[in-house]
Amino acid sequence: MSGQTVRSGVGRTGVSDYLGLAANILYLVAGVLFLIGLYFDWQYTGQILIPQFALADEPNANSGLFILSIIVLFVGYVISVVGGKLEEWQTEKVDQTQEWTVDVGDSSEK
């Protein structure tokens, strides 16, 4: 078991765990925004909900939710990568090779 890595503070919730949770929440938000954007662009073609993120003018404008979902997805990815790097930084290399001496005793007991 030589050369294994052990995370310091095992059993405790750390910053990297919270960053992973935040990234998963942002992935969920991005998915919901994407689905809402699909619905709005299907049902209400040309209606712009977020003008800063709309790509085209009337009548073929998208709602702007697709671009917002991509931005949220990218922010979640960056947070996930930062959490992974932080967890990697907190990981310590531990040499777990040990010699064990076992006293078996007298095996001629009757």
PDB file of N, CA and C in Angstrom:
ATOM      1  N   MET A   1       0.826  -1.184   0.000  1.00  0.00           N
ATOM      2  CA  MET A   1       0.000   0.000   0.000  1.00  0.00           C
ATOM      3  C   MET A   1       0.870   1.247   0.000  1.00  0.00           C
ATOM      4  N   SER A   2       2.024   1.131  -0.565  1.00  0.00           N
ATOM      5  CA  SER A   2       2.939   2.250  -0.595  1.00  0.00           C
ATOM      6  C   SER A   2       2.525   3.255  -1.661  1.00  0.00           C
ATOM      7  N   GLY A   3       2.685   4.531  -1.352  1.00  0.00           N
ATOM      8  CA  GLY A   3       2.440   5.578  -2.324  1.00  0.00           C
ATOM      9  C   GLY A   3       0.981   5.956  -2.488  1.00  0.00           C
ATOM     10  N   GLN A   4       0.115   5.517  -1.593  1.00  0.00           N
ATOM     11  CA  GLN A   4      -1.286   5.889  -1.693  1.00  0.00           C
ATOM     12  C   GLN A   4      -1.483   7.311  -1.202  1.00  0.00           C
ATOM     13  N   THR A   5      -2.578   7.914  -1.640  1.00  0.00           N
ATOM     14  CA  THR A   5      -2.886   9.259  -1.180  1.00  0.00           C
ATOM     15  C   THR A   5      -4.057   9.206  -0.223  1.00  0.00           C
ATOM     16  N   VAL A   6      -3.993  10.036   0.779  1.00  0.00           N
ATOM     17  CA  VAL A   6      -5.047  10.121   1.773  1.00  0.00           C
ATOM     18  C   VAL A   6      -5.415  11.586   1.904  1.00  0.00           C
ATOM     19  N   ARG A   7      -6.690  11.867   1.860  1.00  0.00           N
ATOM     20  CA  ARG A   7      -7.149  13.240   1.989  1.00  0.00           C
ATOM     21  C   ARG A   7      -7.075  13.663   3.443  1.00  0.00           C
ATOM     22  N   SER A   8      -6.504  14.825   3.670  1.00  0.00           N
ATOM     23  CA  SER A   8      -6.428  15.303   5.049  1.00  0.00           C
ATOM     24  C   SER A   8      -7.813  15.724   5.509  1.00  0.00           C
ATOM     25  N   GLY A   9      -8.127  15.472   6.744  1.00  0.00           N
ATOM     26  CA  GLY A   9      -9.420  15.830   7.292  1.00  0.00           C
ATOM     27  C   GLY A   9     -10.531  14.918   6.821  1.00  0.00           C
ATOM     28  N   VAL A  10     -10.252  13.631   6.724  1.00  0.00           N
ATOM     29  CA  VAL A  10     -11.261  12.685   6.261  1.00  0.00           C
ATOM     30  C   VAL A  10     -12.420  12.675   7.245  1.00  0.00           C
ATOM     31  N   GLY A  11     -13.628  12.702   6.725  1.00  0.00           N
ATOM     32  CA  GLY A  11     -14.807  12.698   7.566  1.00  0.00           C
ATOM     33  C   GLY A  11     -15.353  14.073   7.850  1.00  0.00           C
ATOM     34  N   ARG A  12     -14.621  15.102   7.521  1.00  0.00           N
ATOM     35  CA  ARG A  12     -15.084  16.470   7.716  1.00  0.00           C
ATOM     36  C   ARG A  12     -15.471  17.064   6.369  1.00  0.00           C
ATOM     37  N   THR A  13     -16.452  17.926   6.371  1.00  0.00           N
ATOM     38  CA  THR A  13     -16.864  18.606   5.155  1.00  0.00           C
ATOM     39  C   THR A  13     -15.976  19.827   4.976  1.00  0.00           C
ATOM     40  N   GLY A  14     -15.325  19.896   3.828  1.00  0.00           N
ATOM     41  CA  GLY A  14     -14.403  20.989   3.583  1.00  0.00           C
ATOM     42  C   GLY A  14     -14.896  21.909   2.481  1.00  0.00           C
ATOM     43  N   VAL A  15     -14.064  22.873   2.162  1.00  0.00           N
ATOM     44  CA  VAL A  15     -14.391  23.855   1.136  1.00  0.00           C
ATOM     45  C   VAL A  15     -14.561  23.177  -0.221  1.00  0.00           C
ATOM     46  N   SER A  16     -13.734  22.191  -0.514  1.00  0.00           N
ATOM     47  CA  SER A  16     -13.841  21.511  -1.807  1.00  0.00           C
ATOM     48  C   SER A  16     -15.171  20.772  -1.937  1.00  0.00           C
ATOM     49  N   ASP A  17     -15.696  20.254  -0.824  1.00  0.00           N
ATOM     50  CA  ASP A  17     -17.006  19.602  -0.855  1.00  0.00           C
ATOM     51  C   ASP A  17     -18.118  20.611  -1.144  1.00  0.00           C
ATOM     52  N   TYR A  18     -18.011  21.789  -0.533  1.00  0.00           N
ATOM     53  CA  TYR A  18     -18.999  22.833  -0.783  1.00  0.00           C
ATOM     54  C   TYR A  18     -18.916  23.354  -2.217  1.00  0.00           C
ATOM     55  N   LEU A  19     -17.705  23.439  -2.754  1.00  0.00           N
ATOM     56  CA  LEU A  19     -17.555  23.872  -4.147  1.00  0.00           C
ATOM     57  C   LEU A  19     -18.154  22.840  -5.105  1.00  0.00           C
ATOM     58  N   GLY A  20     -17.977  21.560  -4.799  1.00  0.00           N
ATOM     59  CA  GLY A  20     -18.591  20.522  -5.620  1.00  0.00           C
ATOM     60  C   GLY A  20     -20.108  20.585  -5.568  1.00  0.00           C
ATOM     61  N   LEU A  21     -20.660  20.843  -4.388  1.00  0.00           N
ATOM     62  CA  LEU A  21     -22.104  20.980  -4.243  1.00  0.00           C
ATOM     63  C   LEU A  21     -22.612  22.205  -5.005  1.00  0.00           C
ATOM     64  N   ALA A  22     -21.885  23.313  -4.906  1.00  0.00           N
ATOM     65  CA  ALA A  22     -22.280  24.526  -5.635  1.00  0.00           C
ATOM     66  C   ALA A  22     -22.234  24.291  -7.144  1.00  0.00           C
ATOM     67  N   ALA A  23     -21.230  23.559  -7.612  1.00  0.00           N
ATOM     68  CA  ALA A  23     -21.131  23.261  -9.041  1.00  0.00           C
ATOM     69  C   ALA A  23     -22.304  22.396  -9.486  1.00  0.00           C
ATOM     70  N   ASN A  24     -22.683  21.410  -8.685  1.00  0.00           N
ATOM     71  CA  ASN A  24     -23.828  20.565  -9.037  1.00  0.00           C
ATOM     72  C   ASN A  24     -25.130  21.362  -9.067  1.00  0.00           C
ATOM     73  N   ILE A  25     -25.285  22.302  -8.150  1.00  0.00           N
ATOM     74  CA  ILE A  25     -26.475  23.159  -8.152  1.00  0.00           C
ATOM     75  C   ILE A  25     -26.499  24.029  -9.400  1.00  0.00           C
ATOM     76  N   LEU A  26     -25.330  24.568  -9.783  1.00  0.00           N
ATOM     77  CA  LEU A  26     -25.276  25.382 -10.998  1.00  0.00           C
ATOM     78  C   LEU A  26     -25.550  24.546 -12.242  1.00  0.00           C
ATOM     79  N   TYR A  27     -25.108  23.296 -12.262  1.00  0.00           N
ATOM     80  CA  TYR A  27     -25.438  22.413 -13.385  1.00  0.00           C
ATOM     81  C   TYR A  27     -26.952  22.209 -13.473  1.00  0.00           C
ATOM     82  N   LEU A  28     -27.592  22.040 -12.326  1.00  0.00           N
ATOM     83  CA  LEU A  28     -29.042  21.876 -12.298  1.00  0.00           C
ATOM     84  C   LEU A  28     -29.737  23.139 -12.808  1.00  0.00           C
ATOM     85  N   VAL A  29     -29.288  24.300 -12.351  1.00  0.00           N
ATOM     86  CA  VAL A  29     -29.873  25.569 -12.794  1.00  0.00           C
ATOM     87  C   VAL A  29     -29.684  25.747 -14.299  1.00  0.00           C
ATOM     88  N   ALA A  30     -28.509  25.402 -14.807  1.00  0.00           N
ATOM     89  CA  ALA A  30     -28.256  25.516 -16.245  1.00  0.00           C
ATOM     90  C   ALA A  30     -29.181  24.599 -17.036  1.00  0.00           C
ATOM     91  N   GLY A  31     -29.408  23.398 -16.545  1.00  0.00           N
ATOM     92  CA  GLY A  31     -30.326  22.480 -17.215  1.00  0.00           C
ATOM     93  C   GLY A  31     -31.753  22.999 -17.229  1.00  0.00           C
ATOM     94  N   VAL A  32     -32.199  23.550 -16.112  1.00  0.00           N
ATOM     95  CA  VAL A  32     -33.554  24.098 -16.035  1.00  0.00           C
ATOM     96  C   VAL A  32     -33.691  25.295 -16.963  1.00  0.00           C
ATOM     97  N   LEU A  33     -32.681  26.188 -16.981  1.00  0.00           N
ATOM     98  CA  LEU A  33     -32.717  27.327 -17.895  1.00  0.00           C
ATOM     99  C   LEU A  33     -32.760  26.880 -19.352  1.00  0.00           C
ATOM    100  N   PHE A  34     -32.015  25.831 -19.660  1.00  0.00           N
ATOM    101  CA  PHE A  34     -32.009  25.313 -21.028  1.00  0.00           C
ATOM    102  C   PHE A  34     -33.390  24.795 -21.421  1.00  0.00           C
ATOM    103  N   LEU A  35     -34.017  24.031 -20.519  1.00  0.00           N
ATOM    104  CA  LEU A  35     -35.346  23.500 -20.815  1.00  0.00           C
ATOM    105  C   LEU A  35     -36.399  24.607 -20.917  1.00  0.00           C
ATOM    106  N   ILE A  36     -36.306  25.600 -20.045  1.00  0.00           N
ATOM    107  CA  ILE A  36     -37.232  26.731 -20.130  1.00  0.00           C
ATOM    108  C   ILE A  36     -36.999  27.500 -21.432  1.00  0.00           C
ATOM    109  N   GLY A  37     -35.730  27.629 -21.826  1.00  0.00           N
ATOM    110  CA  GLY A  37     -35.423  28.285 -23.098  1.00  0.00           C
ATOM    111  C   GLY A  37     -35.995  27.521 -24.283  1.00  0.00           C
ATOM    112  N   LEU A  38     -35.918  26.199 -24.235  1.00  0.00           N
ATOM    113  CA  LEU A  38     -36.536  25.383 -25.293  1.00  0.00           C
ATOM    114  C   LEU A  38     -38.035  25.624 -25.369  1.00  0.00           C
ATOM    115  N   TYR A  39     -38.681  25.643 -24.224  1.00  0.00           N
ATOM    116  CA  TYR A  39     -40.126  25.839 -24.188  1.00  0.00           C
ATOM    117  C   TYR A  39     -40.508  27.211 -24.739  1.00  0.00           C
ATOM    118  N   PHE A  40     -39.816  28.262 -24.269  1.00  0.00           N
ATOM    119  CA  PHE A  40     -40.157  29.598 -24.716  1.00  0.00           C
ATOM    120  C   PHE A  40     -39.883  29.792 -26.202  1.00  0.00           C
ATOM    121  N   ASP A  41     -38.800  29.228 -26.691  1.00  0.00           N
ATOM    122  CA  ASP A  41     -38.510  29.377 -28.116  1.00  0.00           C
ATOM    123  C   ASP A  41     -39.444  28.552 -28.985  1.00  0.00           C
ATOM    124  N   TRP A  42     -40.045  27.527 -28.416  1.00  0.00           N
ATOM    125  CA  TRP A  42     -40.994  26.703 -29.164  1.00  0.00           C
ATOM    126  C   TRP A  42     -42.391  27.341 -29.148  1.00  0.00           C
ATOM    127  N   GLN A  43     -42.808  27.780 -27.967  1.00  0.00           N
ATOM    128  CA  GLN A  43     -44.161  28.321 -27.827  1.00  0.00           C
ATOM    129  C   GLN A  43     -44.269  29.806 -28.154  1.00  0.00           C
ATOM    130  N   TYR A  44     -43.299  30.569 -27.780  1.00  0.00           N
ATOM    131  CA  TYR A  44     -43.357  32.028 -27.920  1.00  0.00           C
ATOM    132  C   TYR A  44     -42.192  32.514 -28.777  1.00  0.00           C
ATOM    133  N   THR A  45     -42.179  32.121 -30.031  1.00  0.00           N
ATOM    134  CA  THR A  45     -41.087  32.481 -30.932  1.00  0.00           C
ATOM    135  C   THR A  45     -41.012  33.997 -31.074  1.00  0.00           C
ATOM    136  N   GLY A  46     -39.819  34.511 -30.918  1.00  0.00           N
ATOM    137  CA  GLY A  46     -39.595  35.941 -31.070  1.00  0.00           C
ATOM    138  C   GLY A  46     -39.710  36.734 -29.787  1.00  0.00           C
ATOM    139  N   GLN A  47     -40.166  36.109 -28.716  1.00  0.00           N
ATOM    140  CA  GLN A  47     -40.266  36.829 -27.446  1.00  0.00           C
ATOM    141  C   GLN A  47     -38.923  36.785 -26.740  1.00  0.00           C
ATOM    142  N   ILE A  48     -38.401  37.933 -26.397  1.00  0.00           N
ATOM    143  CA  ILE A  48     -37.094  38.025 -25.745  1.00  0.00           C
ATOM    144  C   ILE A  48     -37.311  38.224 -24.250  1.00  0.00           C
ATOM    145  N   LEU A  49     -36.818  37.292 -23.455  1.00  0.00           N
ATOM    146  CA  LEU A  49     -36.923  37.399 -21.998  1.00  0.00           C
ATOM    147  C   LEU A  49     -35.731  38.136 -21.406  1.00  0.00           C
ATOM    148  N   ILE A  50     -34.545  37.866 -21.935  1.00  0.00           N
ATOM    149  CA  ILE A  50     -33.324  38.511 -21.450  1.00  0.00           C
ATOM    150  C   ILE A  50     -32.654  39.154 -22.665  1.00  0.00           C
ATOM    151  N   PRO A  51     -32.865  40.438 -22.899  1.00  0.00           N
ATOM    152  CA  PRO A  51     -32.369  41.073 -24.123  1.00  0.00           C
ATOM    153  C   PRO A  51     -30.843  41.086 -24.238  1.00  0.00           C
ATOM    154  N   GLN A  52     -30.118  41.059 -23.118  1.00  0.00           N
ATOM    155  CA  GLN A  52     -28.663  41.070 -23.167  1.00  0.00           C
ATOM    156  C   GLN A  52     -28.103  39.799 -23.786  1.00  0.00           C
ATOM    157  N   PHE A  53     -28.847  38.702 -23.724  1.00  0.00           N
ATOM    158  CA  PHE A  53     -28.364  37.422 -24.208  1.00  0.00           C
ATOM    159  C   PHE A  53     -29.076  36.942 -25.470  1.00  0.00           C
ATOM    160  N   ALA A  54     -29.968  37.744 -26.016  1.00  0.00           N
ATOM    161  CA  ALA A  54     -30.660  37.356 -27.241  1.00  0.00           C
ATOM    162  C   ALA A  54     -29.720  37.565 -28.427  1.00  0.00           C
ATOM    163  N   LEU A  55     -29.688  36.600 -29.346  1.00  0.00           N
ATOM    164  CA  LEU A  55     -28.739  36.652 -30.452  1.00  0.00           C
ATOM    165  C   LEU A  55     -29.273  37.349 -31.693  1.00  0.00           C
ATOM    166  N   ALA A  56     -30.568  37.364 -31.900  1.00  0.00           N
ATOM    167  CA  ALA A  56     -31.123  37.929 -33.122  1.00  0.00           C
ATOM    168  C   ALA A  56     -32.257  38.883 -32.778  1.00  0.00           C
ATOM    169  N   ASP A  57     -32.587  39.731 -33.744  1.00  0.00           N
ATOM    170  CA  ASP A  57     -33.714  40.633 -33.556  1.00  0.00           C
ATOM    171  C   ASP A  57     -34.996  39.941 -33.976  1.00  0.00           C
ATOM    172  N   GLU A  58     -36.107  40.617 -33.766  1.00  0.00           N
ATOM    173  CA  GLU A  58     -37.414  40.081 -34.155  1.00  0.00           C
ATOM    174  C   GLU A  58     -37.412  39.738 -35.629  1.00  0.00           C
ATOM    175  N   PRO A  59     -38.156  38.820 -36.137  1.00  0.00           N
ATOM    176  CA  PRO A  59     -39.080  37.909 -35.476  1.00  0.00           C
ATOM    177  C   PRO A  59     -38.445  36.587 -35.086  1.00  0.00           C
ATOM    178  N   ASN A  60     -37.171  36.372 -35.400  1.00  0.00           N
ATOM    179  CA  ASN A  60     -36.542  35.076 -35.112  1.00  0.00           C
ATOM    180  C   ASN A  60     -35.662  35.113 -33.868  1.00  0.00           C
ATOM    181  N   ALA A  61     -35.941  35.984 -32.950  1.00  0.00           N
ATOM    182  CA  ALA A  61     -35.105  36.123 -31.761  1.00  0.00           C
ATOM    183  C   ALA A  61     -35.304  34.942 -30.823  1.00  0.00           C
ATOM    184  N   ASN A  62     -34.228  34.563 -30.164  1.00  0.00           N
ATOM    185  CA  ASN A  62     -34.376  33.564 -29.116  1.00  0.00           C
ATOM    186  C   ASN A  62     -34.630  34.288 -27.801  1.00  0.00           C
ATOM    187  N   SER A  63     -35.004  33.557 -26.781  1.00  0.00           N
ATOM    188  CA  SER A  63     -35.404  34.170 -25.510  1.00  0.00           C
ATOM    189  C   SER A  63     -34.218  34.676 -24.703  1.00  0.00           C
ATOM    190  N   GLY A  64     -33.013  34.266 -25.048  1.00  0.00           N
ATOM    191  CA  GLY A  64     -31.832  34.645 -24.284  1.00  0.00           C
ATOM    192  C   GLY A  64     -31.490  33.652 -23.197  1.00  0.00           C
ATOM    193  N   LEU A  65     -32.356  32.688 -22.960  1.00  0.00           N
ATOM    194  CA  LEU A  65     -32.118  31.719 -21.892  1.00  0.00           C
ATOM    195  C   LEU A  65     -31.044  30.697 -22.267  1.00  0.00           C
ATOM    196  N   PHE A  66     -30.866  30.423 -23.564  1.00  0.00           N
ATOM    197  CA  PHE A  66     -29.829  29.481 -23.979  1.00  0.00           C
ATOM    198  C   PHE A  66     -28.441  30.018 -23.625  1.00  0.00           C
ATOM    199  N   ILE A  67     -28.203  31.269 -23.971  1.00  0.00           N
ATOM    200  CA  ILE A  67     -26.895  31.866 -23.693  1.00  0.00           C
ATOM    201  C   ILE A  67     -26.673  31.955 -22.188  1.00  0.00           C
ATOM    202  N   LEU A  68     -27.710  32.320 -21.440  1.00  0.00           N
ATOM    203  CA  LEU A  68     -27.588  32.374 -19.986  1.00  0.00           C
ATOM    204  C   LEU A  68     -27.298  30.991 -19.413  1.00  0.00           C
ATOM    205  N   SER A  69     -27.922  29.950 -19.949  1.00  0.00           N
ATOM    206  CA  SER A  69     -27.667  28.600 -19.442  1.00  0.00           C
ATOM    207  C   SER A  69     -26.235  28.166 -19.751  1.00  0.00           C
ATOM    208  N   ILE A  70     -25.702  28.567 -20.890  1.00  0.00           N
ATOM    209  CA  ILE A  70     -24.307  28.243 -21.217  1.00  0.00           C
ATOM    210  C   ILE A  70     -23.354  28.957 -20.269  1.00  0.00           C
ATOM    211  N   ILE A  71     -23.656  30.206 -19.942  1.00  0.00           N
ATOM    212  CA  ILE A  71     -22.806  30.955 -19.006  1.00  0.00           C
ATOM    213  C   ILE A  71     -22.850  30.321 -17.621  1.00  0.00           C
ATOM    214  N   VAL A  72     -24.040  29.946 -17.155  1.00  0.00           N
ATOM    215  CA  VAL A  72     -24.175  29.299 -15.842  1.00  0.00           C
ATOM    216  C   VAL A  72     -23.459  27.956 -15.839  1.00  0.00           C
ATOM    217  N   LEU A  73     -23.564  27.213 -16.940  1.00  0.00           N
ATOM    218  CA  LEU A  73     -22.872  25.930 -17.054  1.00  0.00           C
ATOM    219  C   LEU A  73     -21.358  26.116 -16.989  1.00  0.00           C
ATOM    220  N   PHE A  74     -20.849  27.131 -17.654  1.00  0.00           N
ATOM    221  CA  PHE A  74     -19.407  27.407 -17.629  1.00  0.00           C
ATOM    222  C   PHE A  74     -18.942  27.804 -16.227  1.00  0.00           C
ATOM    223  N   VAL A  75     -19.720  28.630 -15.542  1.00  0.00           N
ATOM    224  CA  VAL A  75     -19.358  29.020 -14.174  1.00  0.00           C
ATOM    225  C   VAL A  75     -19.354  27.791 -13.256  1.00  0.00           C
ATOM    226  N   GLY A  76     -20.330  26.895 -13.428  1.00  0.00           N
ATOM    227  CA  GLY A  76     -20.350  25.660 -12.644  1.00  0.00           C
ATOM    228  C   GLY A  76     -19.141  24.791 -12.922  1.00  0.00           C
ATOM    229  N   TYR A  77     -18.720  24.734 -14.185  1.00  0.00           N
ATOM    230  CA  TYR A  77     -17.531  23.955 -14.542  1.00  0.00           C
ATOM    231  C   TYR A  77     -16.282  24.547 -13.893  1.00  0.00           C
ATOM    232  N   VAL A  78     -16.156  25.868 -13.927  1.00  0.00           N
ATOM    233  CA  VAL A  78     -14.982  26.517 -13.318  1.00  0.00           C
ATOM    234  C   VAL A  78     -14.960  26.252 -11.817  1.00  0.00           C
ATOM    235  N   ILE A  79     -16.102  26.346 -11.171  1.00  0.00           N
ATOM    236  CA  ILE A  79     -16.163  26.070  -9.725  1.00  0.00           C
ATOM    237  C   ILE A  79     -15.817  24.613  -9.450  1.00  0.00           C
ATOM    238  N   SER A  80     -16.266  23.718 -10.308  1.00  0.00           N
ATOM    239  CA  SER A  80     -15.957  22.295 -10.142  1.00  0.00           C
ATOM    240  C   SER A  80     -14.458  22.034 -10.278  1.00  0.00           C
ATOM    241  N   VAL A  81     -13.825  22.670 -11.252  1.00  0.00           N
ATOM    242  CA  VAL A  81     -12.380  22.499 -11.446  1.00  0.00           C
ATOM    243  C   VAL A  81     -11.610  23.073 -10.268  1.00  0.00           C
ATOM    244  N   VAL A  82     -12.026  24.235  -9.773  1.00  0.00           N
ATOM    245  CA  VAL A  82     -11.358  24.836  -8.613  1.00  0.00           C
ATOM    246  C   VAL A  82     -11.517  23.921  -7.396  1.00  0.00           C
ATOM    247  N   GLY A  83     -12.701  23.343  -7.200  1.00  0.00           N
ATOM    248  CA  GLY A  83     -12.911  22.404  -6.087  1.00  0.00           C
ATOM    249  C   GLY A  83     -12.044  21.168  -6.217  1.00  0.00           C
ATOM    250  N   GLY A  84     -11.891  20.662  -7.442  1.00  0.00           N
ATOM    251  CA  GLY A  84     -11.023  19.501  -7.664  1.00  0.00           C
ATOM    252  C   GLY A  84      -9.564  19.809  -7.387  1.00  0.00           C
ATOM    253  N   LYS A  85      -9.112  20.977  -7.829  1.00  0.00           N
ATOM    254  CA  LYS A  85      -7.729  21.377  -7.562  1.00  0.00           C
ATOM    255  C   LYS A  85      -7.499  21.589  -6.076  1.00  0.00           C
ATOM    256  N   LEU A  86      -8.480  22.162  -5.386  1.00  0.00           N
ATOM    257  CA  LEU A  86      -8.357  22.378  -3.940  1.00  0.00           C
ATOM    258  C   LEU A  86      -8.304  21.050  -3.204  1.00  0.00           C
ATOM    259  N   GLU A  87      -9.125  20.085  -3.632  1.00  0.00           N
ATOM    260  CA  GLU A  87      -9.090  18.759  -3.005  1.00  0.00           C
ATOM    261  C   GLU A  87      -7.756  18.069  -3.280  1.00  0.00           C
ATOM    262  N   GLU A  88      -7.249  18.242  -4.495  1.00  0.00           N
ATOM    263  CA  GLU A  88      -5.941  17.666  -4.837  1.00  0.00           C
ATOM    264  C   GLU A  88      -4.839  18.293  -4.000  1.00  0.00           C
ATOM    265  N   TRP A  89      -4.940  19.585  -3.736  1.00  0.00           N
ATOM    266  CA  TRP A  89      -3.941  20.283  -2.927  1.00  0.00           C
ATOM    267  C   TRP A  89      -3.994  19.811  -1.471  1.00  0.00           C
ATOM    268  N   GLN A  90      -5.197  19.456  -0.995  1.00  0.00           N
ATOM    269  CA  GLN A  90      -5.344  19.003   0.386  1.00  0.00           C
ATOM    270  C   GLN A  90      -4.990  17.531   0.567  1.00  0.00           C
ATOM    271  N   THR A  91      -4.767  16.837  -0.530  1.00  0.00           N
ATOM    272  CA  THR A  91      -4.454  15.420  -0.461  1.00  0.00           C
ATOM    273  C   THR A  91      -2.984  15.239  -0.125  1.00  0.00           C
ATOM    274  N   GLU A  92      -2.708  14.391   0.803  1.00  0.00           N
ATOM    275  CA  GLU A  92      -1.339  14.148   1.231  1.00  0.00           C
ATOM    276  C   GLU A  92      -0.911  12.756   0.796  1.00  0.00           C
ATOM    277  N   LYS A  93       0.345  12.647   0.407  1.00  0.00           N
ATOM    278  CA  LYS A  93       0.887  11.327   0.119  1.00  0.00           C
ATOM    279  C   LYS A  93       1.308  10.693   1.432  1.00  0.00           C
ATOM    280  N   VAL A  94       0.860   9.481   1.635  1.00  0.00           N
ATOM    281  CA  VAL A  94       1.162   8.775   2.869  1.00  0.00           C
ATOM    282  C   VAL A  94       1.736   7.414   2.513  1.00  0.00           C
ATOM    283  N   ASP A  95       2.841   7.099   3.118  1.00  0.00           N
ATOM    284  CA  ASP A  95       3.426   5.778   2.921  1.00  0.00           C
ATOM    285  C   ASP A  95       2.864   4.864   3.999  1.00  0.00           C
ATOM    286  N   GLN A  96       2.043   3.925   3.571  1.00  0.00           N
ATOM    287  CA  GLN A  96       1.367   3.071   4.536  1.00  0.00           C
ATOM    288  C   GLN A  96       1.983   1.671   4.617  1.00  0.00           C
ATOM    289  N   THR A  97       3.213   1.511   4.155  1.00  0.00           N
ATOM    290  CA  THR A  97       3.851   0.198   4.279  1.00  0.00           C
ATOM    291  C   THR A  97       4.382   0.063   5.699  1.00  0.00           C
ATOM    292  N   GLN A  98       4.014  -0.993   6.338  1.00  0.00           N
ATOM    293  CA  GLN A  98       4.449  -1.244   7.703  1.00  0.00           C
ATOM    294  C   GLN A  98       4.781  -2.722   7.828  1.00  0.00           C
ATOM    295  N   GLU A  99       5.700  -2.982   8.725  1.00  0.00           N
ATOM    296  CA  GLU A  99       6.004  -4.374   9.014  1.00  0.00           C
ATOM    297  C   GLU A  99       5.203  -4.794  10.229  1.00  0.00           C
ATOM    298  N   TRP A 100       4.555  -5.924  10.096  1.00  0.00           N
ATOM    299  CA  TRP A 100       3.751  -6.431  11.186  1.00  0.00           C
ATOM    300  C   TRP A 100       4.404  -7.690  11.747  1.00  0.00           C
ATOM    301  N   THR A 101       4.490  -7.744  13.043  1.00  0.00           N
ATOM    302  CA  THR A 101       4.988  -8.936  13.706  1.00  0.00           C
ATOM    303  C   THR A 101       3.828  -9.541  14.482  1.00  0.00           C
ATOM    304  N   VAL A 102       3.547 -10.782  14.195  1.00  0.00           N
ATOM    305  CA  VAL A 102       2.414 -11.434  14.832  1.00  0.00           C
ATOM    306  C   VAL A 102       2.945 -12.571  15.697  1.00  0.00           C
ATOM    307  N   ASP A 103       2.536 -12.580  16.941  1.00  0.00           N
ATOM    308  CA  ASP A 103       2.907 -13.655  17.852  1.00  0.00           C
ATOM    309  C   ASP A 103       1.783 -14.683  17.821  1.00  0.00           C
ATOM    310  N   VAL A 104       2.061 -15.811  17.204  1.00  0.00           N
ATOM    311  CA  VAL A 104       1.050 -16.854  17.042  1.00  0.00           C
ATOM    312  C   VAL A 104       0.865 -17.631  18.328  1.00  0.00           C
ATOM    313  N   GLY A 105       1.932 -17.834  19.051  1.00  0.00           N
ATOM    314  CA  GLY A 105       1.823 -18.582  20.297  1.00  0.00           C
ATOM    315  C   GLY A 105       2.079 -20.070  20.066  1.00  0.00           C
ATOM    316  N   ASP A 106       1.734 -20.839  21.047  1.00  0.00           N
ATOM    317  CA  ASP A 106       1.958 -22.285  20.968  1.00  0.00           C
ATOM    318  C   ASP A 106       0.772 -22.931  20.280  1.00  0.00           C
ATOM    319  N   SER A 107       1.045 -23.600  19.176  1.00  0.00           N
ATOM    320  CA  SER A 107      -0.037 -24.217  18.393  1.00  0.00           C
ATOM    321  C   SER A 107      -0.276 -25.660  18.824  1.00  0.00           C
ATOM    322  N   SER A 108       0.434 -26.124  19.836  1.00  0.00           N
ATOM    323  CA  SER A 108       0.274 -27.529  20.242  1.00  0.00           C
ATOM    324  C   SER A 108      -0.707 -27.660  21.418  1.00  0.00           C
ATOM    325  N   GLU A 109      -1.583 -26.677  21.609  1.00  0.00           N
ATOM    326  CA  GLU A 109      -2.578 -26.759  22.682  1.00  0.00           C
ATOM    327  C   GLU A 109      -3.576 -27.858  22.390  1.00  0.00           C
ATOM    328  N   LYS A 110      -3.959 -28.584  23.440  1.00  0.00           N
ATOM    329  CA  LYS A 110      -4.896 -29.678  23.246  1.00  0.00           C
ATOM    330  C   LYS A 110      -6.075 -29.532  24.133  1.00  0.00           C
TER     331      LYS A 110
END
